[in-house]
Amino acid sequence: MRSEWLSEIWRFRELLYFLAWRDVKVRYKQAILGVLWAVIQPLLTMIIFTLFFGRLARVPSDGIPYPLFAFCALVPWTYFAGTLSQAGNSLLTNSNLITKVYFPRVLLPTSAAVAGLLDFAVSAGFLGLMMIYYHMRPSWTLVMYPFFVFATMILVVGVSMLLAALNVRFRDVKYVIPFLIQLWLFVTPIIYPASFVPKRFQAILALNPMSGIVEGFRASLFPRQAFNLPLIGMSLAVTTFFFVIGAIVFRRTERTFADII
């Protein structure tokens, strides 16, 4: 059954591209600034974090200029949070399509994750300009950057499948998603480094899959940052767990989507 599901998704891959491109066009339709919003949102958040946490609270940044330290983490976080908001509600927002046409329903949350990569690329390009401004030159570890992009995408697809499937049956989920994202932000080492967390809480921090991913992004960009292998390894394990559980729940419930949506 799993191989049949994967082969079916592969056969509909062109529809995946179409849905992703549709999401991109809808997102920026009649938007004056267009894709610049992909930079504006994390940039303004970075400025606020720098003023309150970098300047006033004096939160450490492991020797990295705090604006660069925060923006580096906000690039994957903005992609993760924005995609989760859209993908978690993707089945409900496409209810007319689900009830009229058959296709693998998993394409809906996946297309949101694919469409979000455009914003990710734009904000990552601005991050490169910031690194030039701060005279930060990456080393060979930069080759690991695409790996953590892929890990972020796997995580967001896994969590989105789970939330989207639950959202069809329990409509309260759509109200939980924004609250969940808000809490998730503060338990992820974006404002602070993972080393700032006391050792007795490090195991709890590792259960957050975005913790190791964010630290991996920083280590791949900044030569002075060492890869926290235990944290990254645990985060990747939890990411895999979310993806597997999300796929199982989605697969078992997708046949009933058209009946109860």
Protein backbone atom coordinates (compact mmCIF):
# COMPACT_ATOMS: atom_id res chain seq x y z
CA MET A 1 0.00 0.00 0.00
CA ARG A 2 2.82 2.41 0.80
CA SER A 3 4.51 1.81 -2.56
CA GLU A 4 1.17 2.28 -4.34
CA TRP A 5 0.60 5.56 -2.48
CA LEU A 6 4.07 6.85 -3.41
CA SER A 7 3.71 5.79 -7.03
CA GLU A 8 0.34 7.51 -7.20
CA ILE A 9 1.83 10.71 -5.84
CA TRP A 10 4.60 10.47 -8.45
CA ARG A 11 2.05 10.10 -11.25
CA PHE A 12 0.38 13.33 -10.11
CA ARG A 13 3.66 15.26 -9.76
CA GLU A 14 2.66 17.74 -12.48
CA LEU A 15 -0.43 18.61 -10.44
CA LEU A 16 1.89 19.27 -7.49
CA TYR A 17 3.79 21.83 -9.56
CA PHE A 18 0.52 23.41 -10.68
CA LEU A 19 -0.85 23.68 -7.13
CA ALA A 20 2.42 25.14 -5.85
CA TRP A 21 2.50 27.74 -8.61
CA ARG A 22 -1.15 28.56 -7.95
CA ASP A 23 -0.33 29.17 -4.28
CA VAL A 24 2.49 31.52 -5.28
CA LYS A 25 0.27 33.52 -7.63
CA VAL A 26 -2.55 33.78 -5.09
CA ARG A 27 -0.15 34.88 -2.37
CA TYR A 28 1.23 37.81 -4.34
CA LYS A 29 -1.83 38.72 -6.39
CA GLN A 30 -2.30 42.51 -6.27
CA ALA A 31 0.54 42.79 -3.75
CA ILE A 32 2.54 45.93 -4.56
CA LEU A 33 5.75 44.73 -2.92
CA GLY A 34 5.41 41.16 -4.19
CA VAL A 35 8.14 38.78 -3.05
CA LEU A 36 9.74 41.55 -0.99
CA TRP A 37 7.32 40.52 1.75
CA ALA A 38 9.50 37.41 2.10
CA VAL A 39 12.24 39.74 3.36
CA ILE A 40 10.16 42.38 5.14
CA GLN A 41 8.56 40.01 7.64
CA PRO A 42 11.76 38.40 9.01
CA LEU A 43 13.61 41.73 8.70
CA LEU A 44 11.15 43.63 10.91
CA THR A 45 11.07 40.73 13.37
CA MET A 46 14.87 40.74 13.45
CA ILE A 47 14.93 44.48 14.21
CA ILE A 48 12.52 44.04 17.12
CA PHE A 49 14.47 41.08 18.48
CA THR A 50 17.74 43.01 18.17
CA LEU A 51 16.38 46.02 20.06
CA PHE A 52 14.71 44.14 22.90
CA PHE A 53 16.80 40.99 23.27
CA GLY A 54 20.15 41.93 21.73
CA ARG A 55 20.48 45.47 23.10
CA LEU A 56 18.27 45.64 26.18
CA ALA A 57 18.30 42.08 27.52
CA ARG A 58 21.87 41.40 26.32
CA VAL A 59 21.06 37.90 25.18
CA PRO A 60 24.29 36.23 23.96
CA SER A 61 24.73 35.36 20.29
CA ASP A 62 27.80 33.09 20.36
CA GLY A 63 30.09 35.77 18.94
CA ILE A 64 27.86 36.46 15.92
CA PRO A 65 26.45 39.98 15.39
CA TYR A 66 22.98 39.72 16.89
CA PRO A 67 21.07 40.96 13.80
CA LEU A 68 22.78 38.30 11.72
CA PHE A 69 22.32 35.71 14.47
CA ALA A 70 18.57 36.34 14.63
CA PHE A 71 17.93 36.72 10.90
CA CYS A 72 19.78 33.49 10.12
CA ALA A 73 17.29 31.61 12.31
CA LEU A 74 14.27 33.61 11.17
CA VAL A 75 14.78 32.56 7.54
CA PRO A 76 13.92 28.87 8.16
CA TRP A 77 11.48 29.75 10.94
CA THR A 78 9.44 32.11 8.75
CA TYR A 79 9.26 29.40 6.09
CA PHE A 80 8.22 26.81 8.66
CA ALA A 81 5.59 28.98 10.39
CA GLY A 82 4.14 30.45 7.21
CA THR A 83 3.89 27.09 5.48
CA LEU A 84 2.38 25.41 8.53
CA SER A 85 -0.34 28.07 8.72
CA GLN A 86 -1.32 27.51 5.09
CA ALA A 87 -0.77 23.77 4.82
CA GLY A 88 -2.59 23.00 8.06
CA ASN A 89 -5.72 24.57 6.58
CA SER A 90 -5.10 23.46 2.98
CA LEU A 91 -7.81 20.77 2.95
CA LEU A 92 -10.49 23.14 4.20
CA THR A 93 -9.54 25.96 1.85
CA ASN A 94 -9.65 23.52 -1.09
CA SER A 95 -12.86 21.74 -0.05
CA ASN A 96 -14.53 22.39 -3.41
CA LEU A 97 -11.64 20.77 -5.24
CA ILE A 98 -11.63 17.75 -2.93
CA THR A 99 -15.33 17.04 -3.37
CA LYS A 100 -15.27 17.30 -7.17
CA VAL A 101 -11.97 15.85 -8.41
CA TYR A 102 -9.92 12.86 -7.31
CA PHE A 103 -6.20 13.28 -6.73
CA PRO A 104 -3.81 12.36 -3.89
CA ARG A 105 -4.91 14.73 -1.12
CA VAL A 106 -1.39 14.89 0.26
CA LEU A 107 -0.50 17.14 -2.68
CA LEU A 108 -2.34 20.02 -1.01
CA PRO A 109 -0.15 20.38 2.11
CA THR A 110 2.92 19.41 0.09
CA SER A 111 2.27 22.10 -2.52
CA ALA A 112 2.17 24.72 0.24
CA ALA A 113 5.61 23.55 1.38
CA VAL A 114 6.96 23.69 -2.17
CA ALA A 115 5.49 27.14 -2.82
CA GLY A 116 7.06 28.47 0.37
CA LEU A 117 10.53 27.66 -0.96
CA LEU A 118 10.35 30.76 -3.15
CA ASP A 119 10.05 32.98 -0.08
CA PHE A 120 12.81 30.97 1.56
CA ALA A 121 15.13 31.55 -1.40
CA VAL A 122 14.44 35.30 -1.44
CA SER A 123 15.05 35.74 2.29
CA ALA A 124 18.15 33.51 2.11
CA GLY A 125 19.49 35.77 -0.64
CA PHE A 126 19.03 38.79 1.63
CA LEU A 127 20.81 36.85 4.38
CA GLY A 128 23.76 36.50 2.01
CA LEU A 129 23.86 40.28 1.59
CA MET A 130 23.82 40.68 5.36
CA MET A 131 26.77 38.32 5.69
CA ILE A 132 28.70 40.41 3.17
CA TYR A 133 27.87 43.57 5.14
CA TYR A 134 29.11 42.02 8.39
CA HIS A 135 32.18 40.53 6.65
CA MET A 136 31.17 36.99 7.57
CA ARG A 137 32.63 34.47 5.15
CA PRO A 138 31.21 30.92 5.24
CA SER A 139 33.46 27.89 5.07
CA TRP A 140 33.05 24.41 3.55
CA THR A 141 30.24 23.75 6.02
CA LEU A 142 28.00 25.77 3.69
CA VAL A 143 27.47 22.52 1.74
CA MET A 144 25.28 21.37 4.65
CA TYR A 145 22.84 24.26 4.20
CA PRO A 146 20.66 22.49 1.56
CA PHE A 147 20.46 19.47 3.87
CA PHE A 148 18.84 21.54 6.62
CA VAL A 149 16.52 23.16 4.07
CA PHE A 150 15.37 19.67 3.12
CA ALA A 151 15.00 18.70 6.80
CA THR A 152 12.83 21.78 7.40
CA MET A 153 10.65 20.88 4.45
CA ILE A 154 10.24 17.28 5.65
CA LEU A 155 9.28 18.53 9.10
CA VAL A 156 6.72 21.03 7.87
CA VAL A 157 5.15 18.49 5.50
CA GLY A 158 4.92 15.91 8.29
CA VAL A 159 3.35 18.29 10.81
CA SER A 160 1.08 19.74 8.11
CA MET A 161 -0.23 16.32 7.11
CA LEU A 162 -1.07 15.59 10.73
CA LEU A 163 -2.76 18.95 11.40
CA ALA A 164 -4.56 19.04 8.05
CA ALA A 165 -6.03 15.57 8.61
CA LEU A 166 -7.14 16.46 12.13
CA ASN A 167 -8.49 19.79 10.93
CA VAL A 168 -11.02 18.10 8.67
CA ARG A 169 -12.59 16.21 11.57
CA PHE A 170 -11.93 18.66 14.40
CA ARG A 171 -12.40 22.25 13.24
CA ASP A 172 -10.89 23.56 16.46
CA VAL A 173 -7.48 22.74 15.00
CA LYS A 174 -7.52 25.85 12.81
CA TYR A 175 -7.63 27.94 15.98
CA VAL A 176 -4.90 25.89 17.61
CA ILE A 177 -2.41 26.33 14.74
CA PRO A 178 -1.64 30.07 15.29
CA PHE A 179 -1.34 29.51 19.04
CA LEU A 180 0.92 26.50 18.46
CA ILE A 181 3.20 28.49 16.15
CA GLN A 182 3.44 31.34 18.65
CA LEU A 183 4.51 29.01 21.46
CA TRP A 184 6.83 27.05 19.16
CA LEU A 185 8.74 30.26 18.37
CA PHE A 186 9.81 30.84 21.95
CA VAL A 187 10.90 27.25 22.60
CA THR A 188 13.11 27.35 19.49
CA PRO A 189 16.63 28.87 19.82
CA ILE A 190 15.98 31.85 17.56
CA ILE A 191 16.20 34.68 20.08
CA TYR A 192 18.87 32.85 22.05
CA PRO A 193 21.48 30.18 21.26
CA ALA A 194 20.96 26.59 22.38
CA SER A 195 23.99 26.98 24.66
CA PHE A 196 22.03 29.62 26.62
CA VAL A 197 19.60 26.94 27.84
CA PRO A 198 20.65 25.29 31.16
CA LYS A 199 21.99 21.76 30.80
CA ARG A 200 19.10 20.25 32.74
CA PHE A 201 16.72 21.50 30.02
CA GLN A 202 18.86 20.52 27.03
CA ALA A 203 17.09 17.17 26.67
CA ILE A 204 13.72 18.93 26.53
CA LEU A 205 15.07 21.41 23.99
CA ALA A 206 16.22 18.53 21.80
CA LEU A 207 12.64 17.23 21.58
CA ASN A 208 11.79 20.33 19.58
CA PRO A 209 12.80 19.36 16.02
CA MET A 210 13.33 22.98 15.00
CA SER A 211 16.01 23.40 17.67
CA GLY A 212 18.58 21.20 15.98
CA ILE A 213 17.57 22.42 12.53
CA VAL A 214 18.06 26.09 13.46
CA GLU A 215 21.38 25.34 15.13
CA GLY A 216 22.35 23.38 12.02
CA PHE A 217 21.63 26.38 9.82
CA ARG A 218 23.85 28.57 11.99
CA ALA A 219 26.68 26.02 12.06
CA SER A 220 26.57 25.63 8.28
CA LEU A 221 26.91 29.39 7.76
CA PHE A 222 29.30 30.54 10.47
CA PRO A 223 32.73 28.84 10.74
CA ARG A 224 33.04 29.49 14.48
CA GLN A 225 29.83 27.59 15.17
CA ALA A 226 30.34 23.87 15.78
CA PHE A 227 27.65 21.37 14.83
CA ASN A 228 25.82 20.28 17.97
CA LEU A 229 25.54 16.68 16.81
CA PRO A 230 23.46 15.32 19.77
CA LEU A 231 20.94 18.17 19.38
CA ILE A 232 20.83 17.89 15.59
CA GLY A 233 20.58 14.09 15.71
CA MET A 234 17.66 14.15 18.13
CA SER A 235 15.89 16.85 16.12
CA LEU A 236 16.25 14.83 12.92
CA ALA A 237 14.90 11.76 14.71
CA VAL A 238 11.85 13.73 15.93
CA THR A 239 11.44 15.18 12.43
CA THR A 240 11.34 11.66 10.99
CA PHE A 241 8.84 10.66 13.66
CA PHE A 242 6.51 13.56 12.80
CA PHE A 243 6.74 12.77 9.10
CA VAL A 244 5.94 9.07 9.58
CA ILE A 245 3.07 9.73 12.01
CA GLY A 246 1.71 12.48 9.80
CA ALA A 247 1.80 10.22 6.74
CA ILE A 248 0.10 7.35 8.58
CA VAL A 249 -2.70 9.52 9.99
CA PHE A 250 -3.21 11.29 6.67
CA ARG A 251 -3.23 8.04 4.69
CA ARG A 252 -5.76 6.39 6.98
CA THR A 253 -8.17 9.31 6.99
CA GLU A 254 -7.94 10.75 3.46
CA ARG A 255 -10.67 8.47 2.10
CA THR A 256 -13.20 10.17 4.35
CA PHE A 257 -12.18 13.77 3.55
CA ALA A 258 -14.71 14.25 0.76
CA ASP A 259 -17.54 12.94 2.99
CA ILE A 260 -17.01 15.09 6.06
CA ILE A 261 -15.23 18.20 4.79
